[in-house]
Amino acid sequence: MDLQPVTPGHLLVIPKSHAEGLEDLQEDAGVRVWTVAHQLGRALRLSGLRCEDVNLFLADGEAAFQEVFHVHLHVFPRFKGDPFRVEADWQMRERDLLDETAAAVRSGITALETASGVGPPSVLEQP
């Protein structure tokens, strides 16, 4: 349970092994964190708590508002009128800027593949 819940039922999934951020998190621990969060999200919907929807939130680094430097994934119920907000400059971007950004992300994926000697997950492969 989160000690400062956004809404009643706000949960934390925390891996047992220490990892300050995603860069330090072992892949198998990340898979387990996601699996547990998925189960908890489904359980929240059946819990009797006010839960129209569910948010999963992970802050990785100071700029992302990480305050506790141990990887943890927030799982919390959402409902109309609840207090949680994410403020941002939500606007459509030009196609060329999106293509440029996608190329930079692909470059990062290639760098990961080179460093680890492992190919990309199939979900990232282009048709």
N, C-alpha and C. Protein backbone atom coordinates (compact mmCIF):
# COMPACT_ATOMS: atom_id res chain seq x y z
N MET A 1 0.85 -1.18 0.00
CA MET A 1 0.00 0.00 0.00
C MET A 1 0.90 1.25 0.00
N ASP A 2 0.49 2.25 -0.76
CA ASP A 2 1.21 3.52 -0.75
C ASP A 2 0.79 4.30 0.49
N LEU A 3 1.76 4.89 1.20
CA LEU A 3 1.45 5.66 2.41
C LEU A 3 0.81 7.00 2.10
N GLN A 4 0.95 7.46 0.85
CA GLN A 4 0.33 8.72 0.41
C GLN A 4 -0.49 8.42 -0.84
N PRO A 5 -1.59 7.72 -0.68
CA PRO A 5 -2.34 7.24 -1.85
C PRO A 5 -3.00 8.36 -2.64
N VAL A 6 -2.97 8.22 -3.95
CA VAL A 6 -3.70 9.11 -4.84
C VAL A 6 -5.19 8.87 -4.67
N THR A 7 -5.56 7.60 -4.60
CA THR A 7 -6.93 7.17 -4.36
C THR A 7 -6.88 5.95 -3.43
N PRO A 8 -7.98 5.64 -2.75
CA PRO A 8 -8.00 4.43 -1.92
C PRO A 8 -7.70 3.19 -2.77
N GLY A 9 -6.79 2.36 -2.30
CA GLY A 9 -6.40 1.18 -3.05
C GLY A 9 -5.10 1.36 -3.81
N HIS A 10 -4.44 2.52 -3.65
CA HIS A 10 -3.17 2.81 -4.33
C HIS A 10 -2.11 1.83 -3.83
N LEU A 11 -1.59 1.03 -4.75
CA LEU A 11 -0.64 -0.04 -4.43
C LEU A 11 0.73 0.24 -5.04
N LEU A 12 1.75 -0.38 -4.48
CA LEU A 12 3.10 -0.30 -5.03
C LEU A 12 3.61 -1.71 -5.30
N VAL A 13 4.22 -1.90 -6.45
CA VAL A 13 4.90 -3.16 -6.75
C VAL A 13 6.39 -2.84 -6.70
N ILE A 14 7.10 -3.48 -5.78
CA ILE A 14 8.50 -3.17 -5.52
C ILE A 14 9.32 -4.46 -5.63
N PRO A 15 10.29 -4.49 -6.56
CA PRO A 15 11.12 -5.69 -6.64
C PRO A 15 11.98 -5.85 -5.39
N LYS A 16 12.23 -7.09 -4.99
CA LYS A 16 13.03 -7.35 -3.79
C LYS A 16 14.49 -6.94 -3.99
N SER A 17 15.03 -7.20 -5.18
CA SER A 17 16.42 -6.83 -5.44
C SER A 17 16.49 -5.33 -5.75
N HIS A 18 17.52 -4.67 -5.22
CA HIS A 18 17.62 -3.22 -5.40
C HIS A 18 17.96 -2.86 -6.84
N ALA A 19 17.23 -1.91 -7.37
CA ALA A 19 17.52 -1.29 -8.66
C ALA A 19 17.07 0.16 -8.53
N GLU A 20 18.01 1.08 -8.69
CA GLU A 20 17.67 2.49 -8.53
C GLU A 20 16.70 2.96 -9.62
N GLY A 21 16.96 2.52 -10.84
CA GLY A 21 16.11 2.91 -11.97
C GLY A 21 16.00 1.77 -12.96
N LEU A 22 15.31 2.01 -14.06
CA LEU A 22 15.12 0.97 -15.06
C LEU A 22 16.43 0.44 -15.63
N GLU A 23 17.42 1.31 -15.74
CA GLU A 23 18.72 0.90 -16.27
C GLU A 23 19.35 -0.19 -15.41
N ASP A 24 19.04 -0.18 -14.11
CA ASP A 24 19.63 -1.14 -13.17
C ASP A 24 18.76 -2.38 -12.97
N LEU A 25 17.54 -2.35 -13.44
CA LEU A 25 16.58 -3.43 -13.18
C LEU A 25 16.85 -4.62 -14.10
N GLN A 26 17.02 -5.79 -13.51
CA GLN A 26 17.20 -7.01 -14.30
C GLN A 26 15.90 -7.29 -15.06
N GLU A 27 16.01 -7.77 -16.30
CA GLU A 27 14.84 -7.98 -17.14
C GLU A 27 13.82 -8.92 -16.50
N ASP A 28 14.29 -10.01 -15.88
CA ASP A 28 13.33 -10.94 -15.27
C ASP A 28 12.59 -10.29 -14.11
N ALA A 29 13.25 -9.39 -13.37
CA ALA A 29 12.57 -8.67 -12.29
C ALA A 29 11.54 -7.71 -12.88
N GLY A 30 11.87 -7.08 -14.01
CA GLY A 30 10.92 -6.18 -14.67
C GLY A 30 9.68 -6.92 -15.15
N VAL A 31 9.88 -8.10 -15.69
CA VAL A 31 8.75 -8.92 -16.14
C VAL A 31 7.87 -9.27 -14.94
N ARG A 32 8.50 -9.63 -13.83
CA ARG A 32 7.73 -9.99 -12.63
C ARG A 32 6.95 -8.79 -12.08
N VAL A 33 7.59 -7.60 -12.08
CA VAL A 33 6.91 -6.38 -11.62
C VAL A 33 5.66 -6.15 -12.47
N TRP A 34 5.80 -6.25 -13.79
CA TRP A 34 4.65 -6.03 -14.68
C TRP A 34 3.57 -7.08 -14.45
N THR A 35 3.96 -8.34 -14.29
CA THR A 35 2.99 -9.42 -14.07
C THR A 35 2.19 -9.19 -12.79
N VAL A 36 2.89 -8.82 -11.72
CA VAL A 36 2.20 -8.56 -10.45
C VAL A 36 1.28 -7.35 -10.58
N ALA A 37 1.76 -6.30 -11.24
CA ALA A 37 0.94 -5.09 -11.42
C ALA A 37 -0.33 -5.41 -12.22
N HIS A 38 -0.20 -6.23 -13.23
CA HIS A 38 -1.35 -6.64 -14.03
C HIS A 38 -2.38 -7.35 -13.17
N GLN A 39 -1.91 -8.28 -12.33
CA GLN A 39 -2.81 -9.00 -11.44
C GLN A 39 -3.48 -8.05 -10.44
N LEU A 40 -2.71 -7.13 -9.88
CA LEU A 40 -3.27 -6.19 -8.91
C LEU A 40 -4.29 -5.25 -9.56
N GLY A 41 -4.01 -4.81 -10.76
CA GLY A 41 -4.97 -3.96 -11.47
C GLY A 41 -6.29 -4.67 -11.68
N ARG A 42 -6.21 -5.92 -12.06
CA ARG A 42 -7.43 -6.71 -12.25
C ARG A 42 -8.14 -6.91 -10.92
N ALA A 43 -7.37 -7.14 -9.85
CA ALA A 43 -7.96 -7.34 -8.52
C ALA A 43 -8.65 -6.07 -8.03
N LEU A 44 -8.05 -4.90 -8.31
CA LEU A 44 -8.68 -3.64 -7.89
C LEU A 44 -10.08 -3.49 -8.48
N ARG A 45 -10.24 -3.91 -9.73
CA ARG A 45 -11.54 -3.80 -10.39
C ARG A 45 -12.60 -4.69 -9.72
N LEU A 46 -12.15 -5.75 -9.05
CA LEU A 46 -13.07 -6.69 -8.40
C LEU A 46 -13.14 -6.49 -6.89
N SER A 47 -12.45 -5.48 -6.38
CA SER A 47 -12.26 -5.32 -4.93
C SER A 47 -13.42 -4.70 -4.18
N GLY A 48 -14.32 -4.04 -4.88
CA GLY A 48 -15.36 -3.30 -4.19
C GLY A 48 -14.97 -1.86 -3.92
N LEU A 49 -13.68 -1.53 -4.10
CA LEU A 49 -13.24 -0.14 -4.00
C LEU A 49 -13.74 0.63 -5.22
N ARG A 50 -13.84 1.93 -5.10
CA ARG A 50 -14.24 2.73 -6.25
C ARG A 50 -13.13 2.65 -7.30
N CYS A 51 -13.43 2.03 -8.42
CA CYS A 51 -12.41 1.76 -9.44
C CYS A 51 -13.09 1.63 -10.80
N GLU A 52 -13.13 2.73 -11.54
CA GLU A 52 -13.66 2.70 -12.90
C GLU A 52 -12.59 2.25 -13.88
N ASP A 53 -11.36 2.62 -13.58
CA ASP A 53 -10.21 2.29 -14.43
C ASP A 53 -8.98 2.18 -13.53
N VAL A 54 -7.83 1.87 -14.12
CA VAL A 54 -6.60 1.68 -13.36
C VAL A 54 -5.46 2.38 -14.08
N ASN A 55 -4.58 3.02 -13.30
CA ASN A 55 -3.35 3.58 -13.84
C ASN A 55 -2.16 2.80 -13.32
N LEU A 56 -1.17 2.62 -14.19
CA LEU A 56 0.14 2.12 -13.81
C LEU A 56 1.09 3.29 -14.04
N PHE A 57 1.91 3.60 -13.04
CA PHE A 57 2.78 4.77 -13.14
C PHE A 57 4.15 4.42 -12.59
N LEU A 58 5.19 4.65 -13.39
CA LEU A 58 6.56 4.44 -12.96
C LEU A 58 7.37 5.66 -13.34
N ALA A 59 8.00 6.27 -12.35
CA ALA A 59 8.87 7.43 -12.59
C ALA A 59 10.31 6.93 -12.56
N ASP A 60 11.06 7.17 -13.63
CA ASP A 60 12.44 6.70 -13.74
C ASP A 60 13.37 7.90 -13.83
N GLY A 61 13.85 8.37 -12.69
CA GLY A 61 14.78 9.50 -12.64
C GLY A 61 14.13 10.77 -12.14
N GLU A 62 14.99 11.71 -11.72
CA GLU A 62 14.50 12.96 -11.14
C GLU A 62 13.61 13.74 -12.08
N ALA A 63 14.00 13.86 -13.35
CA ALA A 63 13.20 14.63 -14.31
C ALA A 63 11.82 14.01 -14.51
N ALA A 64 11.71 12.71 -14.21
CA ALA A 64 10.43 12.01 -14.33
C ALA A 64 9.67 12.00 -13.00
N PHE A 65 10.17 12.78 -12.03
CA PHE A 65 9.55 12.92 -10.70
C PHE A 65 9.72 11.70 -9.80
N GLN A 66 10.80 10.92 -10.04
CA GLN A 66 11.10 9.83 -9.12
C GLN A 66 11.59 10.45 -7.82
N GLU A 67 10.96 10.06 -6.71
CA GLU A 67 11.34 10.60 -5.40
C GLU A 67 12.02 9.55 -4.52
N VAL A 68 11.68 8.29 -4.72
CA VAL A 68 12.30 7.19 -3.99
C VAL A 68 13.13 6.42 -5.02
N PHE A 69 14.44 6.36 -4.80
CA PHE A 69 15.32 5.81 -5.82
C PHE A 69 15.53 4.31 -5.65
N HIS A 70 14.43 3.61 -5.78
CA HIS A 70 14.34 2.16 -5.88
C HIS A 70 13.15 1.94 -6.81
N VAL A 71 13.35 1.21 -7.88
CA VAL A 71 12.27 1.01 -8.85
C VAL A 71 11.01 0.55 -8.13
N HIS A 72 9.90 1.18 -8.47
CA HIS A 72 8.60 0.77 -7.95
C HIS A 72 7.53 1.23 -8.94
N LEU A 73 6.52 0.40 -9.09
CA LEU A 73 5.44 0.67 -10.02
C LEU A 73 4.16 0.92 -9.23
N HIS A 74 3.57 2.10 -9.44
CA HIS A 74 2.31 2.44 -8.78
C HIS A 74 1.16 1.81 -9.56
N VAL A 75 0.22 1.25 -8.84
CA VAL A 75 -1.00 0.69 -9.42
C VAL A 75 -2.14 1.31 -8.60
N PHE A 76 -2.97 2.13 -9.25
CA PHE A 76 -4.01 2.78 -8.46
C PHE A 76 -5.32 2.92 -9.22
N PRO A 77 -6.41 2.79 -8.46
CA PRO A 77 -7.74 2.92 -9.05
C PRO A 77 -7.98 4.35 -9.52
N ARG A 78 -8.72 4.48 -10.60
CA ARG A 78 -9.10 5.79 -11.12
C ARG A 78 -10.61 5.86 -11.23
N PHE A 79 -11.13 7.06 -11.06
CA PHE A 79 -12.55 7.29 -11.23
C PHE A 79 -12.76 8.75 -11.58
N LYS A 80 -13.86 9.04 -12.25
CA LYS A 80 -14.17 10.42 -12.63
C LYS A 80 -14.13 11.32 -11.41
N GLY A 81 -13.40 12.44 -11.55
CA GLY A 81 -13.31 13.41 -10.47
C GLY A 81 -12.21 13.14 -9.46
N ASP A 82 -11.43 12.06 -9.65
CA ASP A 82 -10.35 11.81 -8.69
C ASP A 82 -9.26 12.88 -8.86
N PRO A 83 -8.33 13.00 -7.91
CA PRO A 83 -7.40 14.13 -7.91
C PRO A 83 -6.16 13.97 -8.79
N PHE A 84 -5.93 12.81 -9.41
CA PHE A 84 -4.68 12.60 -10.15
C PHE A 84 -4.72 13.30 -11.51
N ARG A 85 -3.66 14.04 -11.81
CA ARG A 85 -3.54 14.75 -13.10
C ARG A 85 -2.12 14.64 -13.62
N VAL A 86 -1.97 14.58 -14.92
CA VAL A 86 -0.68 14.69 -15.58
C VAL A 86 -0.80 15.89 -16.51
N GLU A 87 -0.08 16.93 -16.19
CA GLU A 87 -0.10 18.14 -17.02
C GLU A 87 1.01 18.04 -18.06
N ALA A 88 0.68 18.33 -19.30
CA ALA A 88 1.67 18.26 -20.37
C ALA A 88 1.19 19.10 -21.55
N ASP A 89 2.05 19.26 -22.50
CA ASP A 89 1.73 19.98 -23.72
C ASP A 89 1.26 18.95 -24.76
N TRP A 90 0.02 18.46 -24.58
CA TRP A 90 -0.53 17.42 -25.45
C TRP A 90 -0.94 18.04 -26.77
N GLN A 91 -0.15 17.86 -27.80
CA GLN A 91 -0.51 18.38 -29.12
C GLN A 91 0.04 17.46 -30.21
N MET A 92 -0.62 17.50 -31.35
CA MET A 92 -0.19 16.71 -32.49
C MET A 92 1.16 17.23 -32.97
N ARG A 93 2.05 16.32 -33.35
CA ARG A 93 3.37 16.68 -33.87
C ARG A 93 3.41 16.42 -35.36
N GLU A 94 4.24 17.16 -36.04
CA GLU A 94 4.41 16.99 -37.49
C GLU A 94 5.03 15.62 -37.77
N ARG A 95 4.64 15.02 -38.89
CA ARG A 95 5.11 13.68 -39.26
C ARG A 95 6.63 13.60 -39.29
N ASP A 96 7.30 14.63 -39.84
CA ASP A 96 8.76 14.57 -39.94
C ASP A 96 9.42 14.56 -38.55
N LEU A 97 8.82 15.24 -37.58
CA LEU A 97 9.35 15.22 -36.22
C LEU A 97 9.13 13.85 -35.58
N LEU A 98 7.98 13.25 -35.84
CA LEU A 98 7.70 11.90 -35.33
C LEU A 98 8.67 10.89 -35.94
N ASP A 99 8.93 11.01 -37.25
CA ASP A 99 9.87 10.10 -37.93
C ASP A 99 11.28 10.26 -37.36
N GLU A 100 11.68 11.50 -37.10
CA GLU A 100 12.99 11.79 -36.52
C GLU A 100 13.12 11.16 -35.13
N THR A 101 12.08 11.30 -34.34
CA THR A 101 12.07 10.74 -32.99
C THR A 101 12.11 9.21 -33.05
N ALA A 102 11.34 8.62 -33.96
CA ALA A 102 11.32 7.17 -34.11
C ALA A 102 12.71 6.65 -34.51
N ALA A 103 13.40 7.38 -35.38
CA ALA A 103 14.75 6.99 -35.80
C ALA A 103 15.71 7.02 -34.61
N ALA A 104 15.57 8.02 -33.75
CA ALA A 104 16.43 8.11 -32.57
C ALA A 104 16.17 6.94 -31.62
N VAL A 105 14.90 6.56 -31.45
CA VAL A 105 14.56 5.43 -30.58
C VAL A 105 15.12 4.14 -31.18
N ARG A 106 14.98 3.96 -32.50
CA ARG A 106 15.54 2.76 -33.15
C ARG A 106 17.05 2.71 -32.95
N SER A 107 17.71 3.86 -32.99
CA SER A 107 19.15 3.92 -32.76
C SER A 107 19.49 3.46 -31.34
N GLY A 108 18.67 3.87 -30.37
CA GLY A 108 18.87 3.42 -28.99
C GLY A 108 18.68 1.92 -28.85
N ILE A 109 17.70 1.38 -29.56
CA ILE A 109 17.45 -0.07 -29.53
C ILE A 109 18.65 -0.80 -30.11
N THR A 110 19.18 -0.29 -31.22
CA THR A 110 20.37 -0.89 -31.84
C THR A 110 21.55 -0.86 -30.88
N ALA A 111 21.72 0.26 -30.16
CA ALA A 111 22.81 0.36 -29.19
C ALA A 111 22.65 -0.68 -28.08
N LEU A 112 21.41 -0.90 -27.62
CA LEU A 112 21.15 -1.93 -26.61
C LEU A 112 21.49 -3.31 -27.15
N GLU A 113 21.09 -3.58 -28.38
CA GLU A 113 21.37 -4.88 -29.00
C GLU A 113 22.86 -5.11 -29.09
N THR A 114 23.60 -4.09 -29.51
CA THR A 114 25.05 -4.19 -29.66
C THR A 114 25.70 -4.43 -28.31
N ALA A 115 25.27 -3.71 -27.29
CA ALA A 115 25.85 -3.83 -25.96
C ALA A 115 25.56 -5.19 -25.32
N SER A 116 24.37 -5.72 -25.58
CA SER A 116 23.96 -6.96 -24.92
C SER A 116 24.19 -8.19 -25.79
N GLY A 117 24.36 -8.00 -27.09
CA GLY A 117 24.50 -9.13 -28.00
C GLY A 117 23.19 -9.84 -28.24
N VAL A 118 22.08 -9.22 -27.86
CA VAL A 118 20.76 -9.83 -28.00
C VAL A 118 19.95 -8.99 -28.98
N GLY A 119 19.19 -9.65 -29.82
CA GLY A 119 18.34 -8.95 -30.78
C GLY A 119 17.14 -8.31 -30.11
N PRO A 120 16.40 -7.50 -30.85
CA PRO A 120 15.24 -6.78 -30.29
C PRO A 120 14.09 -7.75 -30.03
N PRO A 121 13.23 -7.40 -29.09
CA PRO A 121 12.00 -8.18 -28.93
C PRO A 121 11.20 -8.11 -30.21
N SER A 122 10.46 -9.15 -30.52
CA SER A 122 9.72 -9.20 -31.78
C SER A 122 8.75 -8.04 -31.92
N VAL A 123 8.27 -7.50 -30.82
CA VAL A 123 7.31 -6.39 -30.90
C VAL A 123 7.97 -5.15 -31.50
N LEU A 124 9.29 -5.06 -31.44
CA LEU A 124 9.99 -3.90 -31.96
C LEU A 124 10.46 -4.07 -33.40
N GLU A 125 10.34 -5.28 -33.93
CA GLU A 125 10.79 -5.53 -35.29
C GLU A 125 9.84 -4.87 -36.28
N GLN A 126 10.42 -4.34 -37.33
CA GLN A 126 9.61 -3.72 -38.38
C GLN A 126 9.18 -4.79 -39.37
N PRO A 127 7.97 -4.64 -39.93
CA PRO A 127 7.49 -5.65 -40.89
C PRO A 127 8.32 -5.63 -42.17
